[in-house]
């Protein structure tokens, strides 16, 4: 009986080494895939949050551009500052002369416009937004909103006509923080300044 002892095959050590290499390579690939998926989801969430903030800014910007900043008359001083620092709401006369208030409601995480008859409407009814073709991101909320009005006193008030420091077109600076509910990593802070197009 003639046995051929030259059978070629893998030894146990070679098998263990190849399995270990395959395992390390597979875990690297899976880790990279998970990281890419997580990063893509984060980018989609950021895009949805940013897009929502832009839509809100556009609505408020239209109100300010086509309206006139309301300066309440509180005293008889020649220069009576009506706005000082940040304001939680903004009052605007629209084209028809009606007074409306734009304000932020922190409990609802939404911004409303209320007319002189106390009718209010949310600037954006739903924050839900579709992305990835199937999932809806409905947890986008406004977290903070501040209005800064400049000049702080009414430049059109007769008593203020000769005060050069406030003789320029009223403008409103909006600062808004928008993000996902209970997720500070997604917060986006946006700021823009709009001037009224109405000249007296």
N, C-alpha and C. Protein backbone atom coordinates (compact mmCIF):
# COMPACT_ATOMS: atom_id res chain seq x y z
N UNK A 1 0.82 -1.17 0.00
CA UNK A 1 0.00 0.00 0.00
C UNK A 1 0.87 1.24 0.00
N UNK A 2 0.58 2.09 -0.96
CA UNK A 2 1.39 3.28 -1.16
C UNK A 2 0.58 4.53 -0.79
N UNK A 3 0.89 5.18 0.34
CA UNK A 3 0.17 6.39 0.78
C UNK A 3 0.97 7.62 0.36
N UNK A 4 0.26 8.51 -0.25
CA UNK A 4 0.90 9.78 -0.66
C UNK A 4 0.81 10.75 0.51
N UNK A 5 1.95 11.14 1.05
CA UNK A 5 1.97 12.03 2.21
C UNK A 5 2.09 13.50 1.83
N UNK A 6 1.97 13.80 0.58
CA UNK A 6 2.10 15.19 0.14
C UNK A 6 0.74 15.86 -0.09
N UNK A 7 -0.26 15.56 0.77
CA UNK A 7 -1.57 16.25 0.66
C UNK A 7 -1.41 17.70 1.06
N UNK A 8 -1.91 18.60 0.21
CA UNK A 8 -1.82 20.02 0.53
C UNK A 8 -3.12 20.43 1.19
N UNK A 9 -3.06 21.24 2.25
CA UNK A 9 -4.24 21.74 2.96
C UNK A 9 -3.82 22.84 3.91
N UNK A 10 -4.82 23.34 4.67
CA UNK A 10 -4.57 24.40 5.65
C UNK A 10 -4.37 23.80 7.01
N UNK A 11 -3.41 24.32 7.71
CA UNK A 11 -3.23 23.88 9.09
C UNK A 11 -4.18 24.67 9.97
N UNK A 12 -4.33 24.27 11.19
CA UNK A 12 -5.22 24.94 12.13
C UNK A 12 -4.76 26.37 12.38
N UNK A 13 -3.47 26.61 12.44
CA UNK A 13 -2.94 27.95 12.68
C UNK A 13 -3.28 28.86 11.50
N UNK A 14 -3.11 28.34 10.30
CA UNK A 14 -3.43 29.15 9.12
C UNK A 14 -4.92 29.51 9.08
N UNK A 15 -5.76 28.57 9.45
CA UNK A 15 -7.20 28.83 9.49
C UNK A 15 -7.53 29.90 10.52
N UNK A 16 -6.93 29.81 11.69
CA UNK A 16 -7.20 30.80 12.74
C UNK A 16 -6.72 32.19 12.32
N UNK A 17 -5.56 32.27 11.69
CA UNK A 17 -5.04 33.56 11.23
C UNK A 17 -5.97 34.16 10.16
N UNK A 18 -6.42 33.36 9.22
CA UNK A 18 -7.29 33.87 8.16
C UNK A 18 -8.65 34.31 8.72
N UNK A 19 -9.20 33.56 9.68
CA UNK A 19 -10.46 33.95 10.31
C UNK A 19 -10.28 35.26 11.08
N UNK A 20 -9.15 35.41 11.77
CA UNK A 20 -8.89 36.64 12.53
C UNK A 20 -8.77 37.84 11.59
N UNK A 21 -8.08 37.68 10.47
CA UNK A 21 -7.94 38.77 9.50
C UNK A 21 -9.30 39.13 8.91
N UNK A 22 -10.09 38.11 8.57
CA UNK A 22 -11.42 38.36 8.02
C UNK A 22 -12.30 39.09 9.02
N UNK A 23 -12.23 38.71 10.30
CA UNK A 23 -13.03 39.35 11.35
C UNK A 23 -12.64 40.81 11.52
N UNK A 24 -11.35 41.09 11.56
CA UNK A 24 -10.89 42.48 11.71
C UNK A 24 -11.33 43.32 10.51
N UNK A 25 -11.16 42.77 9.32
CA UNK A 25 -11.54 43.51 8.11
C UNK A 25 -13.05 43.77 8.08
N UNK A 26 -13.85 42.78 8.43
CA UNK A 26 -15.30 42.94 8.45
C UNK A 26 -15.74 43.96 9.49
N UNK A 27 -15.13 43.93 10.68
CA UNK A 27 -15.51 44.90 11.72
C UNK A 27 -15.15 46.32 11.30
N UNK A 28 -14.03 46.49 10.59
CA UNK A 28 -13.67 47.82 10.08
C UNK A 28 -14.71 48.30 9.07
N UNK A 29 -15.12 47.41 8.16
CA UNK A 29 -16.13 47.78 7.17
C UNK A 29 -17.47 48.12 7.82
N UNK A 30 -17.89 47.33 8.79
CA UNK A 30 -19.17 47.59 9.47
C UNK A 30 -19.11 48.90 10.24
N UNK A 31 -17.99 49.14 10.92
CA UNK A 31 -17.83 50.40 11.66
C UNK A 31 -17.90 51.61 10.73
N UNK A 32 -17.23 51.51 9.59
CA UNK A 32 -17.27 52.62 8.63
C UNK A 32 -18.67 52.82 8.08
N UNK A 33 -19.37 51.73 7.81
CA UNK A 33 -20.74 51.83 7.29
C UNK A 33 -21.67 52.49 8.32
N UNK A 34 -21.58 52.07 9.57
CA UNK A 34 -22.41 52.64 10.64
C UNK A 34 -22.10 54.13 10.80
N UNK A 35 -20.83 54.49 10.74
CA UNK A 35 -20.43 55.90 10.87
C UNK A 35 -21.00 56.72 9.72
N UNK A 36 -20.94 56.20 8.50
CA UNK A 36 -21.46 56.92 7.34
C UNK A 36 -22.98 57.10 7.45
N UNK A 37 -23.68 56.05 7.86
CA UNK A 37 -25.14 56.13 8.02
C UNK A 37 -25.50 57.16 9.09
N UNK A 38 -24.80 57.12 10.23
CA UNK A 38 -25.08 58.07 11.31
C UNK A 38 -24.79 59.50 10.87
N UNK A 39 -23.69 59.68 10.13
CA UNK A 39 -23.32 61.00 9.66
C UNK A 39 -24.32 61.51 8.62
N UNK A 40 -24.80 60.63 7.77
CA UNK A 40 -25.79 61.02 6.77
C UNK A 40 -27.10 61.41 7.44
N UNK A 41 -27.51 60.68 8.45
CA UNK A 41 -28.74 61.03 9.17
C UNK A 41 -28.58 62.38 9.86
N UNK A 42 -27.43 62.61 10.46
CA UNK A 42 -27.18 63.88 11.12
C UNK A 42 -27.21 65.04 10.11
N UNK A 43 -26.66 64.81 8.92
CA UNK A 43 -26.68 65.85 7.88
C UNK A 43 -28.11 66.11 7.41
N UNK A 44 -28.92 65.06 7.29
CA UNK A 44 -30.32 65.23 6.90
C UNK A 44 -31.10 66.01 7.96
N UNK A 45 -30.85 65.70 9.23
CA UNK A 45 -31.52 66.42 10.30
C UNK A 45 -31.12 67.89 10.28
N UNK A 46 -29.83 68.16 10.11
CA UNK A 46 -29.35 69.55 10.06
C UNK A 46 -29.98 70.29 8.89
N UNK A 47 -30.05 69.62 7.74
CA UNK A 47 -30.65 70.24 6.56
C UNK A 47 -32.13 70.56 6.80
N UNK A 48 -32.85 69.64 7.46
CA UNK A 48 -34.26 69.88 7.75
C UNK A 48 -34.43 71.03 8.73
N UNK A 49 -33.59 71.08 9.77
CA UNK A 49 -33.67 72.16 10.75
C UNK A 49 -33.36 73.50 10.10
N UNK A 50 -32.32 73.54 9.29
CA UNK A 50 -31.92 74.78 8.63
C UNK A 50 -32.99 75.25 7.64
N UNK A 51 -33.56 74.31 6.90
CA UNK A 51 -34.61 74.65 5.95
C UNK A 51 -35.83 75.21 6.66
N UNK A 52 -36.18 74.62 7.81
CA UNK A 52 -37.32 75.11 8.59
C UNK A 52 -37.07 76.53 9.07
N UNK A 53 -35.86 76.79 9.56
CA UNK A 53 -35.52 78.13 10.06
C UNK A 53 -35.58 79.14 8.92
N UNK A 54 -35.13 78.77 7.75
CA UNK A 54 -35.18 79.70 6.60
C UNK A 54 -36.61 80.04 6.22
N UNK A 55 -37.50 79.05 6.27
CA UNK A 55 -38.90 79.31 5.93
C UNK A 55 -39.52 80.30 6.91
N UNK A 56 -39.21 80.13 8.19
CA UNK A 56 -39.73 81.06 9.20
C UNK A 56 -39.18 82.46 8.96
N UNK A 57 -37.88 82.55 8.70
CA UNK A 57 -37.27 83.86 8.43
C UNK A 57 -37.92 84.54 7.22
N UNK A 58 -38.23 83.77 6.19
CA UNK A 58 -38.83 84.35 4.99
C UNK A 58 -40.19 84.96 5.29
N UNK A 59 -41.00 84.28 6.10
CA UNK A 59 -42.33 84.80 6.43
C UNK A 59 -42.21 86.09 7.23
N UNK A 60 -41.36 86.09 8.26
CA UNK A 60 -41.19 87.28 9.09
C UNK A 60 -40.56 88.41 8.28
N UNK A 61 -39.62 88.08 7.41
CA UNK A 61 -38.97 89.10 6.58
C UNK A 61 -39.98 89.79 5.69
N UNK A 62 -40.90 89.03 5.11
CA UNK A 62 -41.95 89.64 4.28
C UNK A 62 -42.80 90.60 5.09
N UNK A 63 -43.14 90.20 6.32
CA UNK A 63 -43.95 91.08 7.19
C UNK A 63 -43.21 92.39 7.47
N UNK A 64 -41.91 92.29 7.76
CA UNK A 64 -41.14 93.49 8.11
C UNK A 64 -40.91 94.37 6.87
N UNK A 65 -40.54 93.76 5.75
CA UNK A 65 -40.26 94.53 4.53
C UNK A 65 -41.50 95.30 4.06
N UNK A 66 -42.65 94.64 4.11
CA UNK A 66 -43.88 95.24 3.60
C UNK A 66 -44.67 95.97 4.67
N UNK A 67 -44.10 96.09 5.85
CA UNK A 67 -44.81 96.77 6.93
C UNK A 67 -43.98 97.90 7.50
N UNK A 68 -44.45 98.38 8.63
CA UNK A 68 -43.80 99.50 9.30
C UNK A 68 -43.67 99.17 10.78
N UNK A 69 -42.48 99.33 11.31
CA UNK A 69 -42.24 99.02 12.72
C UNK A 69 -43.08 99.95 13.59
N UNK A 70 -43.78 99.36 14.55
CA UNK A 70 -44.60 100.15 15.47
C UNK A 70 -43.74 100.62 16.64
N UNK A 71 -43.70 101.92 16.84
CA UNK A 71 -43.00 102.52 17.98
C UNK A 71 -44.04 103.07 18.95
N UNK A 72 -44.21 102.44 20.10
CA UNK A 72 -45.18 102.98 21.05
C UNK A 72 -44.71 104.30 21.63
N UNK A 73 -45.64 105.24 21.82
CA UNK A 73 -45.32 106.53 22.42
C UNK A 73 -45.64 106.42 23.91
N UNK A 74 -44.59 106.39 24.72
CA UNK A 74 -44.80 106.20 26.15
C UNK A 74 -44.58 107.45 26.96
N UNK A 75 -43.93 108.45 26.40
CA UNK A 75 -43.65 109.65 27.17
C UNK A 75 -43.61 110.87 26.28
N UNK A 76 -43.31 111.96 26.86
CA UNK A 76 -43.27 113.21 26.12
C UNK A 76 -41.84 113.69 25.89
N UNK A 77 -40.85 112.83 26.17
CA UNK A 77 -39.47 113.23 25.93
C UNK A 77 -39.22 113.34 24.43
N UNK A 78 -38.26 114.18 24.08
CA UNK A 78 -37.93 114.31 22.67
C UNK A 78 -37.42 112.99 22.10
N UNK A 79 -36.64 112.30 22.90
CA UNK A 79 -36.11 111.02 22.44
C UNK A 79 -36.53 109.95 23.44
N UNK A 80 -37.56 109.23 23.09
CA UNK A 80 -38.09 108.20 23.99
C UNK A 80 -37.79 106.83 23.37
N UNK A 81 -36.79 106.09 23.90
CA UNK A 81 -36.51 104.78 23.31
C UNK A 81 -37.65 103.80 23.56
N UNK A 82 -38.19 103.26 22.49
CA UNK A 82 -39.28 102.29 22.61
C UNK A 82 -38.75 100.86 22.69
N UNK A 83 -37.59 100.63 22.09
CA UNK A 83 -36.99 99.31 22.08
C UNK A 83 -35.60 99.40 22.71
N UNK A 84 -35.31 98.46 23.56
CA UNK A 84 -34.01 98.46 24.20
C UNK A 84 -33.55 97.02 24.35
N UNK A 85 -32.46 96.65 23.69
CA UNK A 85 -31.98 95.27 23.76
C UNK A 85 -32.90 94.32 23.02
N UNK A 86 -32.93 93.07 23.47
CA UNK A 86 -33.73 92.06 22.78
C UNK A 86 -35.19 92.16 23.22
N UNK A 87 -36.07 91.87 22.29
CA UNK A 87 -37.51 91.92 22.54
C UNK A 87 -38.11 90.57 22.18
N UNK A 88 -39.06 90.13 22.99
CA UNK A 88 -39.70 88.83 22.73
C UNK A 88 -40.74 88.91 21.63
N UNK A 89 -41.26 90.11 21.37
CA UNK A 89 -42.22 90.24 20.29
C UNK A 89 -41.93 91.48 19.47
N UNK A 90 -42.56 91.54 18.32
CA UNK A 90 -42.36 92.64 17.39
C UNK A 90 -43.72 93.07 16.88
N UNK A 91 -43.98 94.37 16.92
CA UNK A 91 -45.27 94.88 16.45
C UNK A 91 -45.04 95.63 15.14
N UNK A 92 -45.90 95.29 14.15
CA UNK A 92 -45.75 95.81 12.79
C UNK A 92 -47.10 96.32 12.29
N UNK A 93 -47.09 97.48 11.63
CA UNK A 93 -48.25 97.91 10.86
C UNK A 93 -48.13 97.29 9.48
N UNK A 94 -49.16 96.55 9.04
CA UNK A 94 -49.09 95.98 7.69
C UNK A 94 -49.49 97.01 6.65
N UNK A 95 -49.59 96.59 5.37
CA UNK A 95 -49.88 97.51 4.28
C UNK A 95 -51.20 98.25 4.47
N UNK A 96 -52.17 97.55 5.05
CA UNK A 96 -53.49 98.16 5.23
C UNK A 96 -53.57 99.02 6.48
N UNK A 97 -52.47 99.07 7.26
CA UNK A 97 -52.47 99.90 8.46
C UNK A 97 -52.87 99.17 9.72
N UNK A 98 -53.18 97.88 9.61
CA UNK A 98 -53.54 97.09 10.80
C UNK A 98 -52.29 96.75 11.58
N UNK A 99 -52.42 96.73 12.90
CA UNK A 99 -51.30 96.42 13.77
C UNK A 99 -51.29 94.93 14.08
N UNK A 100 -50.18 94.28 13.81
CA UNK A 100 -50.06 92.85 14.13
C UNK A 100 -48.81 92.64 14.99
N UNK A 101 -48.84 91.57 15.76
CA UNK A 101 -47.74 91.25 16.67
C UNK A 101 -47.14 89.90 16.28
N UNK A 102 -45.84 89.86 16.13
CA UNK A 102 -45.12 88.62 15.87
C UNK A 102 -44.46 88.23 17.19
N UNK A 103 -44.75 87.04 17.69
CA UNK A 103 -44.19 86.65 18.98
C UNK A 103 -43.87 85.16 19.01
N UNK A 104 -42.98 84.82 19.91
CA UNK A 104 -42.52 83.45 20.10
C UNK A 104 -43.18 82.87 21.34
N UNK A 105 -43.74 81.66 21.21
CA UNK A 105 -44.34 80.96 22.33
C UNK A 105 -43.43 79.78 22.70
N UNK A 106 -42.66 79.91 23.80
CA UNK A 106 -41.69 78.85 24.13
C UNK A 106 -42.34 77.52 24.50
N UNK A 107 -43.56 77.55 25.06
CA UNK A 107 -44.22 76.29 25.43
C UNK A 107 -44.54 75.44 24.21
N UNK A 108 -44.93 76.10 23.12
CA UNK A 108 -45.27 75.37 21.90
C UNK A 108 -44.10 75.26 20.93
N UNK A 109 -43.04 76.03 21.20
CA UNK A 109 -41.90 76.01 20.29
C UNK A 109 -42.26 76.51 18.91
N UNK A 110 -43.12 77.54 18.88
CA UNK A 110 -43.61 78.06 17.60
C UNK A 110 -43.70 79.58 17.64
N UNK A 111 -43.77 80.18 16.46
CA UNK A 111 -43.87 81.63 16.32
C UNK A 111 -45.22 81.94 15.70
N UNK A 112 -45.90 82.94 16.26
CA UNK A 112 -47.25 83.29 15.82
C UNK A 112 -47.30 84.73 15.36
N UNK A 113 -48.26 85.01 14.48
CA UNK A 113 -48.59 86.38 14.09
C UNK A 113 -50.03 86.60 14.52
N UNK A 114 -50.24 87.62 15.35
CA UNK A 114 -51.58 87.92 15.86
C UNK A 114 -51.99 89.30 15.36
N UNK A 115 -53.19 89.37 14.74
CA UNK A 115 -53.64 90.67 14.23
C UNK A 115 -54.35 91.45 15.33
N UNK A 116 -54.84 92.65 14.98
CA UNK A 116 -55.46 93.52 15.98
C UNK A 116 -56.77 92.96 16.51
N UNK A 117 -57.39 92.02 15.79
CA UNK A 117 -58.64 91.38 16.25
C UNK A 117 -58.36 90.12 17.08
N UNK A 118 -57.11 89.93 17.48
CA UNK A 118 -56.69 88.78 18.29
C UNK A 118 -56.77 87.44 17.55
N UNK A 119 -56.82 87.49 16.22
CA UNK A 119 -56.75 86.27 15.43
C UNK A 119 -55.27 85.94 15.26
N UNK A 120 -54.91 84.72 15.60
CA UNK A 120 -53.50 84.37 15.48
C UNK A 120 -53.32 83.17 14.56
N UNK A 121 -52.18 83.17 13.90
CA UNK A 121 -51.84 82.03 13.04
C UNK A 121 -50.38 81.68 13.27
N UNK A 122 -50.13 80.40 13.25
CA UNK A 122 -48.75 79.94 13.40
C UNK A 122 -48.02 80.18 12.09
N UNK A 123 -46.79 80.62 12.19
CA UNK A 123 -46.04 80.92 10.97
C UNK A 123 -45.86 79.67 10.12
N UNK A 124 -45.59 78.56 10.76
CA UNK A 124 -45.50 77.30 10.02
C UNK A 124 -46.30 76.26 10.79
N UNK A 125 -47.43 75.86 10.22
CA UNK A 125 -48.36 74.99 10.94
C UNK A 125 -47.68 73.72 11.45
N UNK A 126 -46.93 73.09 10.59
CA UNK A 126 -46.28 71.84 10.97
C UNK A 126 -44.79 71.97 10.68
N UNK A 127 -43.99 71.50 11.64
CA UNK A 127 -42.55 71.50 11.43
C UNK A 127 -42.11 70.22 10.75
N UNK A 128 -43.04 69.28 10.54
CA UNK A 128 -42.68 68.01 9.93
C UNK A 128 -42.12 68.19 8.53
N UNK A 129 -41.13 67.44 8.22
CA UNK A 129 -40.49 67.57 6.92
C UNK A 129 -40.01 66.19 6.48
N UNK A 130 -40.24 65.85 5.23
CA UNK A 130 -39.86 64.54 4.75
C UNK A 130 -38.42 64.54 4.28
N UNK A 131 -37.71 63.50 4.63
CA UNK A 131 -36.37 63.34 4.08
C UNK A 131 -36.09 61.85 3.96
N UNK A 132 -35.16 61.50 3.13
CA UNK A 132 -34.85 60.10 2.81
C UNK A 132 -36.03 59.39 2.15
N UNK A 133 -37.00 60.15 1.66
CA UNK A 133 -38.11 59.57 0.95
C UNK A 133 -39.17 58.92 1.79
N UNK A 134 -38.92 58.65 3.05
CA UNK A 134 -39.92 57.91 3.82
C UNK A 134 -40.12 58.42 5.23
N UNK A 135 -39.11 58.96 5.84
CA UNK A 135 -39.21 59.34 7.24
C UNK A 135 -39.60 60.79 7.38
N UNK A 136 -40.40 61.11 8.39
CA UNK A 136 -40.80 62.49 8.62
C UNK A 136 -40.16 62.99 9.90
N UNK A 137 -39.52 64.14 9.79
CA UNK A 137 -38.86 64.74 10.93
C UNK A 137 -39.81 65.78 11.52
N UNK A 138 -40.58 65.40 12.55
CA UNK A 138 -41.60 66.30 13.07
C UNK A 138 -41.23 66.85 14.44
N UNK A 139 -40.00 66.68 14.84
CA UNK A 139 -39.60 67.15 16.17
C UNK A 139 -38.74 68.41 16.09
N UNK A 140 -38.84 69.15 14.98
CA UNK A 140 -38.10 70.40 14.84
C UNK A 140 -38.89 71.50 15.54
N UNK A 141 -38.23 72.21 16.46
CA UNK A 141 -38.90 73.30 17.19
C UNK A 141 -38.01 74.52 17.24
N UNK A 142 -38.67 75.69 17.40
CA UNK A 142 -37.96 76.92 17.67
C UNK A 142 -37.69 76.94 19.16
N UNK A 143 -36.44 77.13 19.56
CA UNK A 143 -36.08 77.11 20.98
C UNK A 143 -35.94 78.51 21.56
N UNK A 144 -35.51 79.46 20.74
CA UNK A 144 -35.37 80.85 21.18
C UNK A 144 -35.63 81.76 20.00
N UNK A 145 -36.15 82.96 20.31
CA UNK A 145 -36.38 83.96 19.26
C UNK A 145 -36.27 85.34 19.89
N UNK A 146 -35.43 86.19 19.32
CA UNK A 146 -35.26 87.56 19.81
C UNK A 146 -35.30 88.52 18.65
N UNK A 147 -35.90 89.69 18.91
CA UNK A 147 -35.96 90.77 17.92
C UNK A 147 -35.18 91.97 18.46
N UNK A 148 -34.38 92.56 17.61
CA UNK A 148 -33.66 93.79 17.95
C UNK A 148 -34.06 94.85 16.94
N UNK A 149 -34.59 95.97 17.41
CA UNK A 149 -35.05 97.03 16.53
C UNK A 149 -34.07 98.19 16.58
N UNK A 150 -33.77 98.73 15.40
CA UNK A 150 -32.86 99.86 15.31
C UNK A 150 -33.40 100.83 14.26
N UNK A 151 -33.47 102.11 14.54
CA UNK A 151 -33.12 102.78 15.80
C UNK A 151 -34.13 102.46 16.90
N UNK A 152 -33.71 102.66 18.13
CA UNK A 152 -34.57 102.30 19.26
C UNK A 152 -35.71 103.29 19.46
N UNK A 153 -35.59 104.46 18.88
CA UNK A 153 -36.66 105.45 18.95
C UNK A 153 -37.24 105.69 17.57
N UNK A 154 -38.48 106.19 17.52
CA UNK A 154 -39.19 106.41 16.26
C UNK A 154 -38.55 107.56 15.47
N UNK A 155 -37.91 107.26 14.32
CA UNK A 155 -37.27 108.34 13.55
C UNK A 155 -38.29 109.24 12.87
N UNK A 156 -39.55 108.78 12.74
CA UNK A 156 -40.57 109.56 12.05
C UNK A 156 -41.40 110.43 13.00
N UNK A 157 -41.17 110.29 14.27
CA UNK A 157 -41.91 111.11 15.22
C UNK A 157 -41.45 112.56 15.06
N UNK A 158 -42.38 113.47 15.02
CA UNK A 158 -42.08 114.87 14.73
C UNK A 158 -41.02 115.45 15.65
N UNK A 159 -41.08 115.08 16.92
CA UNK A 159 -40.11 115.61 17.89
C UNK A 159 -38.70 115.09 17.64
N UNK A 160 -38.56 113.98 16.92
CA UNK A 160 -37.26 113.34 16.72
C UNK A 160 -36.62 113.68 15.37
N UNK A 161 -37.26 114.49 14.57
CA UNK A 161 -36.79 114.75 13.21
C UNK A 161 -35.38 115.31 13.18
N UNK A 162 -35.03 116.11 14.16
CA UNK A 162 -33.71 116.75 14.16
C UNK A 162 -32.65 115.96 14.91
N UNK A 163 -32.99 114.77 15.39
CA UNK A 163 -32.00 113.94 16.08
C UNK A 163 -31.31 113.04 15.05
N UNK A 164 -30.12 113.44 14.64
CA UNK A 164 -29.42 112.70 13.59
C UNK A 164 -29.09 111.27 13.98
N UNK A 165 -28.95 111.00 15.28
CA UNK A 165 -28.55 109.66 15.73
C UNK A 165 -29.58 108.59 15.37
N UNK A 166 -30.84 108.98 15.20
CA UNK A 166 -31.87 107.97 14.90
C UNK A 166 -32.53 108.22 13.55
N UNK A 167 -31.96 109.06 12.73
CA UNK A 167 -32.58 109.34 11.43
C UNK A 167 -32.09 108.37 10.35
N UNK A 168 -32.49 107.15 10.48
CA UNK A 168 -32.24 106.18 9.41
C UNK A 168 -33.39 105.19 9.40
N UNK A 169 -33.49 104.47 8.30
CA UNK A 169 -34.62 103.58 8.07
C UNK A 169 -34.67 102.49 9.14
N UNK A 170 -35.86 102.28 9.76
CA UNK A 170 -35.96 101.22 10.78
C UNK A 170 -35.61 99.85 10.22
N UNK A 171 -34.88 99.08 11.01
CA UNK A 171 -34.54 97.72 10.62
C UNK A 171 -34.71 96.81 11.82
N UNK A 172 -34.96 95.55 11.54
CA UNK A 172 -35.18 94.55 12.57
C UNK A 172 -34.16 93.44 12.39
N UNK A 173 -33.46 93.12 13.46
CA UNK A 173 -32.53 91.98 13.46
C UNK A 173 -33.20 90.85 14.22
N UNK A 174 -33.28 89.69 13.58
CA UNK A 174 -33.88 88.52 14.21
C UNK A 174 -32.79 87.51 14.52
N UNK A 175 -32.83 86.97 15.73
CA UNK A 175 -31.91 85.90 16.13
C UNK A 175 -32.77 84.74 16.58
N UNK A 176 -32.58 83.59 15.96
CA UNK A 176 -33.44 82.44 16.24
C UNK A 176 -32.60 81.18 16.42
N UNK A 177 -32.96 80.41 17.45
CA UNK A 177 -32.33 79.10 17.65
C UNK A 177 -33.37 78.03 17.36
N UNK A 178 -33.04 77.15 16.42
CA UNK A 178 -33.94 76.07 16.01
C UNK A 178 -33.19 74.76 16.14
N UNK A 179 -33.92 73.72 16.54
CA UNK A 179 -33.27 72.41 16.66
C UNK A 179 -34.28 71.31 16.90
N UNK A 180 -33.77 70.12 17.09
CA UNK A 180 -34.62 68.98 17.40
C UNK A 180 -34.95 68.99 18.88
N UNK A 181 -36.11 68.46 19.21
CA UNK A 181 -36.53 68.39 20.60
C UNK A 181 -35.53 67.54 21.39
N UNK A 182 -35.07 68.06 22.52
CA UNK A 182 -34.17 67.36 23.43
C UNK A 182 -32.88 66.90 22.76
N UNK A 183 -32.40 67.66 21.79
CA UNK A 183 -31.13 67.32 21.15
C UNK A 183 -30.40 68.61 20.83
N UNK A 184 -29.50 69.01 21.72
CA UNK A 184 -28.81 70.29 21.55
C UNK A 184 -27.76 70.23 20.45
N UNK A 185 -27.35 69.03 20.06
CA UNK A 185 -26.33 68.92 19.01
C UNK A 185 -26.85 69.41 17.66
N UNK A 186 -28.17 69.37 17.47
CA UNK A 186 -28.75 69.77 16.20
C UNK A 186 -29.12 71.25 16.15
N UNK A 187 -28.89 71.99 17.24
CA UNK A 187 -29.30 73.39 17.29
C UNK A 187 -28.58 74.24 16.25
N UNK A 188 -29.35 75.09 15.59
CA UNK A 188 -28.83 76.02 14.60
C UNK A 188 -29.23 77.42 15.05
N UNK A 189 -28.28 78.33 15.13
CA UNK A 189 -28.58 79.71 15.47
C UNK A 189 -28.41 80.55 14.20
N UNK A 190 -29.48 81.20 13.80
CA UNK A 190 -29.47 82.02 12.60
C UNK A 190 -29.78 83.47 12.96
N UNK A 191 -29.22 84.36 12.19
CA UNK A 191 -29.42 85.79 12.44
C UNK A 191 -29.54 86.50 11.10
N UNK A 192 -30.49 87.40 11.01
CA UNK A 192 -30.65 88.19 9.79
C UNK A 192 -31.21 89.56 10.14
N UNK A 193 -30.95 90.53 9.28
CA UNK A 193 -31.44 91.89 9.49
C UNK A 193 -32.24 92.32 8.26
N UNK A 194 -33.42 92.88 8.51
CA UNK A 194 -34.31 93.31 7.43
C UNK A 194 -34.70 94.76 7.66
N UNK A 195 -34.73 95.53 6.58
CA UNK A 195 -35.20 96.91 6.65
C UNK A 195 -36.60 97.01 6.08
N UNK A 196 -37.38 97.90 6.64
CA UNK A 196 -38.71 98.16 6.09
C UNK A 196 -38.58 98.90 4.78
N UNK A 197 -39.46 98.58 3.82
CA UNK A 197 -39.43 99.26 2.53
C UNK A 197 -40.35 100.49 2.52
N UNK A 198 -41.04 100.72 3.61
CA UNK A 198 -41.96 101.85 3.66
C UNK A 198 -41.22 103.08 4.14
N UNK A 199 -41.26 104.12 3.35
CA UNK A 199 -40.61 105.38 3.70
C UNK A 199 -41.69 106.43 3.92
N UNK A 200 -41.51 107.20 4.97
CA UNK A 200 -42.48 108.27 5.22
C UNK A 200 -41.90 109.58 4.69
